């Protein structure tokens, strides 16, 4: 090589030459495939991270819901128990009095019964005591016997034991006698 060509500095490439070289490089299918593969790997890693975070969120929400249900079951009876405590206090106070008369016992029992009924009503426990002549309902009544009567067939004649329901769910059906079919 001549000394003149060695001393010449390489001429910097213009923007047109750089973009033409880049265009030539981008048309290489291997480079395109590698770039696309790299892009897809990055997207896959991002989606995998999002999936793991979503799974963790679902598990945390499920765990919180399970904890809330467990607490609700554990403490659901608390309000009902609180409303029964005055009834317990009245019964204990009545039994603690020495030398009571029958009238006092009756009066105390009636007052305690009113407290108990009030506590049940506050907690949505509803009495099922159908009047005579009411059509027999197997969802709320339990027929103990069938008797001949002057009223329509399959109607309640008498209530032997009251039933109770809570929030439209029967706790205990009313025990009734029903008229016989004619």
C-alpha atoms as a PDB file:
ATOM      1  CA  UNK A   1       0.000   0.000   0.000  1.00  0.00           C
ATOM      2  CA  UNK A   2       1.072   3.426  -0.700  1.00  0.00           C
ATOM      3  CA  UNK A   3       1.642   5.904   1.968  1.00  0.00           C
ATOM      4  CA  UNK A   4      -0.992   8.204   0.560  1.00  0.00           C
ATOM      5  CA  UNK A   5      -3.753   5.640   0.922  1.00  0.00           C
ATOM      6  CA  UNK A   6      -2.672   4.718   4.432  1.00  0.00           C
ATOM      7  CA  UNK A   7      -2.794   8.276   5.706  1.00  0.00           C
ATOM      8  CA  UNK A   8      -6.263   8.932   4.416  1.00  0.00           C
ATOM      9  CA  UNK A   9      -8.896   8.848   7.111  1.00  0.00           C
ATOM     10  CA  UNK A  10     -11.988   6.889   6.275  1.00  0.00           C
ATOM     11  CA  UNK A  11     -14.713   9.205   5.249  1.00  0.00           C
ATOM     12  CA  UNK A  12     -17.741   9.189   7.626  1.00  0.00           C
ATOM     13  CA  UNK A  13     -20.900   7.701   6.162  1.00  0.00           C
ATOM     14  CA  UNK A  14     -23.758  10.007   5.344  1.00  0.00           C
ATOM     15  CA  UNK A  15     -27.295   9.462   6.681  1.00  0.00           C
ATOM     16  CA  UNK A  16     -28.373   8.155   3.298  1.00  0.00           C
ATOM     17  CA  UNK A  17     -25.602   5.596   3.286  1.00  0.00           C
ATOM     18  CA  UNK A  18     -26.457   4.536   6.886  1.00  0.00           C
ATOM     19  CA  UNK A  19     -30.153   4.073   6.130  1.00  0.00           C
ATOM     20  CA  UNK A  20     -29.312   2.180   2.915  1.00  0.00           C
ATOM     21  CA  UNK A  21     -27.053  -0.111   4.941  1.00  0.00           C
ATOM     22  CA  UNK A  22     -29.751  -0.570   7.539  1.00  0.00           C
ATOM     23  CA  UNK A  23     -32.297  -1.385   4.860  1.00  0.00           C
ATOM     24  CA  UNK A  24     -29.925  -3.956   3.444  1.00  0.00           C
ATOM     25  CA  UNK A  25     -29.429  -5.443   6.920  1.00  0.00           C
ATOM     26  CA  UNK A  26     -33.179  -5.626   7.618  1.00  0.00           C
ATOM     27  CA  UNK A  27     -33.837  -7.564   4.479  1.00  0.00           C
ATOM     28  CA  UNK A  28     -31.752 -10.417   5.858  1.00  0.00           C
ATOM     29  CA  UNK A  29     -34.307 -13.158   6.748  1.00  0.00           C
ATOM     30  CA  UNK A  30     -32.159 -14.629   9.515  1.00  0.00           C
ATOM     31  CA  UNK A  31     -31.784 -11.276  11.226  1.00  0.00           C
ATOM     32  CA  UNK A  32     -35.533 -10.663  10.865  1.00  0.00           C
ATOM     33  CA  UNK A  33     -36.350 -14.056  12.355  1.00  0.00           C
ATOM     34  CA  UNK A  34     -33.930 -13.515  15.250  1.00  0.00           C
ATOM     35  CA  UNK A  35     -35.412 -10.080  15.952  1.00  0.00           C
ATOM     36  CA  UNK A  36     -38.935 -11.492  15.862  1.00  0.00           C
ATOM     37  CA  UNK A  37     -37.892 -14.399  18.111  1.00  0.00           C
ATOM     38  CA  UNK A  38     -36.371 -11.970  20.595  1.00  0.00           C
ATOM     39  CA  UNK A  39     -39.532  -9.873  20.525  1.00  0.00           C
ATOM     40  CA  UNK A  40     -41.746 -12.944  21.036  1.00  0.00           C
ATOM     41  CA  UNK A  41     -39.570 -14.159  23.914  1.00  0.00           C
ATOM     42  CA  UNK A  42     -39.952 -10.772  25.605  1.00  0.00           C
ATOM     43  CA  UNK A  43     -43.724 -10.854  25.080  1.00  0.00           C
ATOM     44  CA  UNK A  44     -43.879 -14.422  26.394  1.00  0.00           C
ATOM     45  CA  UNK A  45     -41.936 -13.476  29.522  1.00  0.00           C
ATOM     46  CA  UNK A  46     -44.238 -10.479  30.064  1.00  0.00           C
ATOM     47  CA  UNK A  47     -47.375 -12.607  29.634  1.00  0.00           C
ATOM     48  CA  UNK A  48     -46.002 -15.302  31.943  1.00  0.00           C
ATOM     49  CA  UNK A  49     -45.360 -12.648  34.592  1.00  0.00           C
ATOM     50  CA  UNK A  50     -48.880 -11.244  34.151  1.00  0.00           C
ATOM     51  CA  UNK A  51     -50.332 -14.760  34.429  1.00  0.00           C
ATOM     52  CA  UNK A  52     -48.443 -15.494  37.640  1.00  0.00           C
ATOM     53  CA  UNK A  53     -49.566 -12.185  39.154  1.00  0.00           C
ATOM     54  CA  UNK A  54     -53.183 -12.870  38.168  1.00  0.00           C
ATOM     55  CA  UNK A  55     -52.993 -16.355  39.692  1.00  0.00           C
ATOM     56  CA  UNK A  56     -51.610 -14.895  42.910  1.00  0.00           C
ATOM     57  CA  UNK A  57     -54.401 -12.295  42.972  1.00  0.00           C
ATOM     58  CA  UNK A  58     -57.032 -15.015  42.514  1.00  0.00           C
ATOM     59  CA  UNK A  59     -55.515 -17.153  45.265  1.00  0.00           C
ATOM     60  CA  UNK A  60     -55.358 -14.163  47.616  1.00  0.00           C
ATOM     61  CA  UNK A  61     -58.976 -13.233  46.864  1.00  0.00           C
ATOM     62  CA  UNK A  62     -60.096 -16.826  47.431  1.00  0.00           C
ATOM     63  CA  UNK A  63     -58.179 -16.998  50.724  1.00  0.00           C
ATOM     64  CA  UNK A  64     -59.698 -13.687  51.899  1.00  0.00           C
ATOM     65  CA  UNK A  65     -63.204 -14.877  50.942  1.00  0.00           C
ATOM     66  CA  UNK A  66     -62.682 -18.179  52.773  1.00  0.00           C
ATOM     67  CA  UNK A  67     -61.498 -16.288  55.866  1.00  0.00           C
ATOM     68  CA  UNK A  68     -64.545 -14.001  55.741  1.00  0.00           C
ATOM     69  CA  UNK A  69     -66.906 -16.967  55.400  1.00  0.00           C
ATOM     70  CA  UNK A  70     -65.225 -18.725  58.313  1.00  0.00           C
ATOM     71  CA  UNK A  71     -65.545 -15.601  60.471  1.00  0.00           C
ATOM     72  CA  UNK A  72     -69.181 -15.147  59.439  1.00  0.00           C
ATOM     73  CA  UNK A  73     -69.954 -18.740  60.434  1.00  0.00           C
ATOM     74  CA  UNK A  74     -68.058 -18.411  63.669  1.00  0.00           C
ATOM     75  CA  UNK A  75     -69.761 -15.192  64.763  1.00  0.00           C
ATOM     76  CA  UNK A  76     -73.173 -15.528  63.059  1.00  0.00           C
ATOM     77  CA  UNK A  77     -74.800 -16.731  66.259  1.00  0.00           C
ATOM     78  CA  UNK A  78     -73.376 -13.830  68.294  1.00  0.00           C
ATOM     79  CA  UNK A  79     -76.339 -11.470  67.754  1.00  0.00           C
ATOM     80  CA  UNK A  80     -78.847 -14.206  68.498  1.00  0.00           C
ATOM     81  CA  UNK A  81     -77.011 -15.207  71.681  1.00  0.00           C
ATOM     82  CA  UNK A  82     -76.910 -11.566  72.833  1.00  0.00           C
ATOM     83  CA  UNK A  83     -80.682 -11.275  72.436  1.00  0.00           C
ATOM     84  CA  UNK A  84     -81.200 -14.428  74.548  1.00  0.00           C
ATOM     85  CA  UNK A  85     -79.043 -13.288  77.473  1.00  0.00           C
ATOM     86  CA  UNK A  86     -81.840 -11.171  79.064  1.00  0.00           C
ATOM     87  CA  UNK A  87     -84.088 -14.246  78.953  1.00  0.00           C
ATOM     88  CA  UNK A  88     -81.411 -16.244  80.765  1.00  0.00           C
ATOM     89  CA  UNK A  89     -81.015 -13.448  83.325  1.00  0.00           C
ATOM     90  CA  UNK A  90     -84.780 -13.397  83.968  1.00  0.00           C
ATOM     91  CA  UNK A  91     -84.934 -17.158  84.470  1.00  0.00           C
ATOM     92  CA  UNK A  92     -81.987 -17.107  86.867  1.00  0.00           C
ATOM     93  CA  UNK A  93     -83.431 -14.163  88.805  1.00  0.00           C
ATOM     94  CA  UNK A  94     -86.809 -15.933  89.092  1.00  0.00           C
ATOM     95  CA  UNK A  95     -85.201 -19.091  90.402  1.00  0.00           C
ATOM     96  CA  UNK A  96     -83.103 -17.156  92.922  1.00  0.00           C
ATOM     97  CA  UNK A  97     -86.158 -15.786  94.773  1.00  0.00           C
ATOM     98  CA  UNK A  98     -87.034 -17.915  97.795  1.00  0.00           C
ATOM     99  CA  UNK A  99     -90.643 -18.545  98.902  1.00  0.00           C
ATOM    100  CA  UNK A 100     -92.421 -17.399  95.721  1.00  0.00           C
ATOM    101  CA  UNK A 101     -96.136 -17.730  95.217  1.00  0.00           C
ATOM    102  CA  UNK A 102     -97.757 -19.401  92.249  1.00  0.00           C
ATOM    103  CA  UNK A 103     -98.938 -15.995  91.014  1.00  0.00           C
ATOM    104  CA  UNK A 104     -95.376 -14.661  91.100  1.00  0.00           C
ATOM    105  CA  UNK A 105     -94.103 -17.698  89.219  1.00  0.00           C
ATOM    106  CA  UNK A 106     -96.832 -17.264  86.601  1.00  0.00           C
ATOM    107  CA  UNK A 107     -96.154 -13.528  86.260  1.00  0.00           C
ATOM    108  CA  UNK A 108     -92.400 -14.098  85.946  1.00  0.00           C
ATOM    109  CA  UNK A 109     -92.914 -16.899  83.409  1.00  0.00           C
ATOM    110  CA  UNK A 110     -95.163 -14.679  81.265  1.00  0.00           C
ATOM    111  CA  UNK A 111     -92.639 -11.828  81.378  1.00  0.00           C
ATOM    112  CA  UNK A 112     -89.827 -14.229  80.419  1.00  0.00           C
ATOM    113  CA  UNK A 113     -91.931 -15.681  77.587  1.00  0.00           C
ATOM    114  CA  UNK A 114     -92.495 -12.151  76.220  1.00  0.00           C
ATOM    115  CA  UNK A 115     -88.724 -11.542  76.348  1.00  0.00           C
ATOM    116  CA  UNK A 116     -88.072 -14.810  74.513  1.00  0.00           C
ATOM    117  CA  UNK A 117     -90.658 -14.082  71.807  1.00  0.00           C
ATOM    118  CA  UNK A 118     -89.209 -10.600  71.362  1.00  0.00           C
ATOM    119  CA  UNK A 119     -85.682 -12.021  71.010  1.00  0.00           C
ATOM    120  CA  UNK A 120     -86.894 -14.519  68.409  1.00  0.00           C
ATOM    121  CA  UNK A 121     -88.738 -11.826  66.438  1.00  0.00           C
ATOM    122  CA  UNK A 122     -85.642  -9.582  66.408  1.00  0.00           C
ATOM    123  CA  UNK A 123     -83.726 -12.478  64.884  1.00  0.00           C
ATOM    124  CA  UNK A 124     -86.379 -13.188  62.223  1.00  0.00           C
ATOM    125  CA  UNK A 125     -87.636 -16.421  63.799  1.00  0.00           C
ATOM    126  CA  UNK A 126     -91.311 -16.519  62.828  1.00  0.00           C
ATOM    127  CA  UNK A 127     -94.008 -18.688  64.375  1.00  0.00           C
ATOM    128  CA  UNK A 128     -95.964 -21.110  62.163  1.00  0.00           C
ATOM    129  CA  UNK A 129     -99.384 -21.634  63.749  1.00  0.00           C
ATOM    130  CA  UNK A 130    -102.045 -21.932  61.047  1.00  0.00           C
ATOM    131  CA  UNK A 131    -105.623 -21.190  62.118  1.00  0.00           C
ATOM    132  CA  UNK A 132    -108.275 -23.896  61.717  1.00  0.00           C
ATOM    133  CA  UNK A 133    -109.513 -24.157  58.156  1.00  0.00           C
ATOM    134  CA  UNK A 134    -106.173 -23.193  56.572  1.00  0.00           C
ATOM    135  CA  UNK A 135    -105.215 -25.354  53.587  1.00  0.00           C
ATOM    136  CA  UNK A 136    -102.604 -27.947  54.542  1.00  0.00           C
ATOM    137  CA  UNK A 137     -99.130 -26.971  53.270  1.00  0.00           C
ATOM    138  CA  UNK A 138     -96.589 -29.835  53.440  1.00  0.00           C
ATOM    139  CA  UNK A 139     -93.739 -27.289  53.283  1.00  0.00           C
ATOM    140  CA  UNK A 140     -94.822 -25.636  56.563  1.00  0.00           C
ATOM    141  CA  UNK A 141     -97.035 -28.255  58.247  1.00  0.00           C
ATOM    142  CA  UNK A 142     -96.609 -31.863  59.270  1.00  0.00           C
ATOM    143  CA  UNK A 143     -99.828 -33.865  59.497  1.00  0.00           C
ATOM    144  CA  UNK A 144     -99.888 -36.082  62.560  1.00  0.00           C
ATOM    145  CA  UNK A 145    -103.360 -37.489  62.013  1.00  0.00           C
ATOM    146  CA  UNK A 146    -106.348 -37.267  59.736  1.00  0.00           C
ATOM    147  CA  UNK A 147    -109.713 -36.687  61.416  1.00  0.00           C
ATOM    148  CA  UNK A 148    -113.244 -36.388  60.113  1.00  0.00           C
ATOM    149  CA  UNK A 149    -114.514 -32.809  60.308  1.00  0.00           C
ATOM    150  CA  UNK A 150    -117.151 -30.537  58.813  1.00  0.00           C
ATOM    151  CA  UNK A 151    -114.625 -28.372  56.957  1.00  0.00           C
ATOM    152  CA  UNK A 152    -113.040 -28.822  53.542  1.00  0.00           C
ATOM    153  CA  UNK A 153    -110.751 -31.836  52.991  1.00  0.00           C
ATOM    154  CA  UNK A 154    -106.979 -31.342  53.519  1.00  0.00           C
ATOM    155  CA  UNK A 155    -107.368 -28.341  55.825  1.00  0.00           C
ATOM    156  CA  UNK A 156    -105.910 -27.841  59.282  1.00  0.00           C
ATOM    157  CA  UNK A 157    -108.227 -28.797  62.155  1.00  0.00           C
ATOM    158  CA  UNK A 158    -105.925 -28.148  65.140  1.00  0.00           C
ATOM    159  CA  UNK A 159    -102.297 -27.232  65.807  1.00  0.00           C
ATOM    160  CA  UNK A 160    -100.644 -29.677  68.187  1.00  0.00           C
ATOM    161  CA  UNK A 161     -97.262 -27.928  68.189  1.00  0.00           C
ATOM    162  CA  UNK A 162     -96.270 -24.607  66.620  1.00  0.00           C
ATOM    163  CA  UNK A 163     -93.643 -24.587  63.952  1.00  0.00           C
ATOM    164  CA  UNK A 164     -90.967 -21.955  63.303  1.00  0.00           C
ATOM    165  CA  UNK A 165     -89.167 -20.554  60.306  1.00  0.00           C
ATOM    166  CA  UNK A 166     -86.223 -18.247  59.884  1.00  0.00           C
ATOM    167  CA  UNK A 167     -85.797 -16.126  56.757  1.00  0.00           C
ATOM    168  CA  UNK A 168     -88.376 -18.203  54.817  1.00  0.00           C
ATOM    169  CA  UNK A 169     -86.664 -21.455  55.796  1.00  0.00           C
ATOM    170  CA  UNK A 170     -88.601 -23.850  57.983  1.00  0.00           C
ATOM    171  CA  UNK A 171     -86.767 -24.729  61.194  1.00  0.00           C
ATOM    172  CA  UNK A 172     -89.571 -26.948  62.419  1.00  0.00           C
ATOM    173  CA  UNK A 173     -92.929 -27.568  60.714  1.00  0.00           C
ATOM    174  CA  UNK A 174     -96.124 -27.090  62.673  1.00  0.00           C
ATOM    175  CA  UNK A 175     -97.598 -30.406  63.860  1.00  0.00           C
ATOM    176  CA  UNK A 176    -101.261 -30.408  62.842  1.00  0.00           C
ATOM    177  CA  UNK A 177    -104.313 -32.614  62.460  1.00  0.00           C
ATOM    178  CA  UNK A 178    -105.917 -32.485  59.031  1.00  0.00           C
ATOM    179  CA  UNK A 179    -109.440 -33.182  57.780  1.00  0.00           C
ATOM    180  CA  UNK A 180    -110.006 -36.463  56.001  1.00  0.00           C
ATOM    181  CA  UNK A 181    -110.949 -36.493  52.337  1.00  0.00           C
ATOM    182  CA  UNK A 182    -114.680 -37.065  51.797  1.00  0.00           C
END
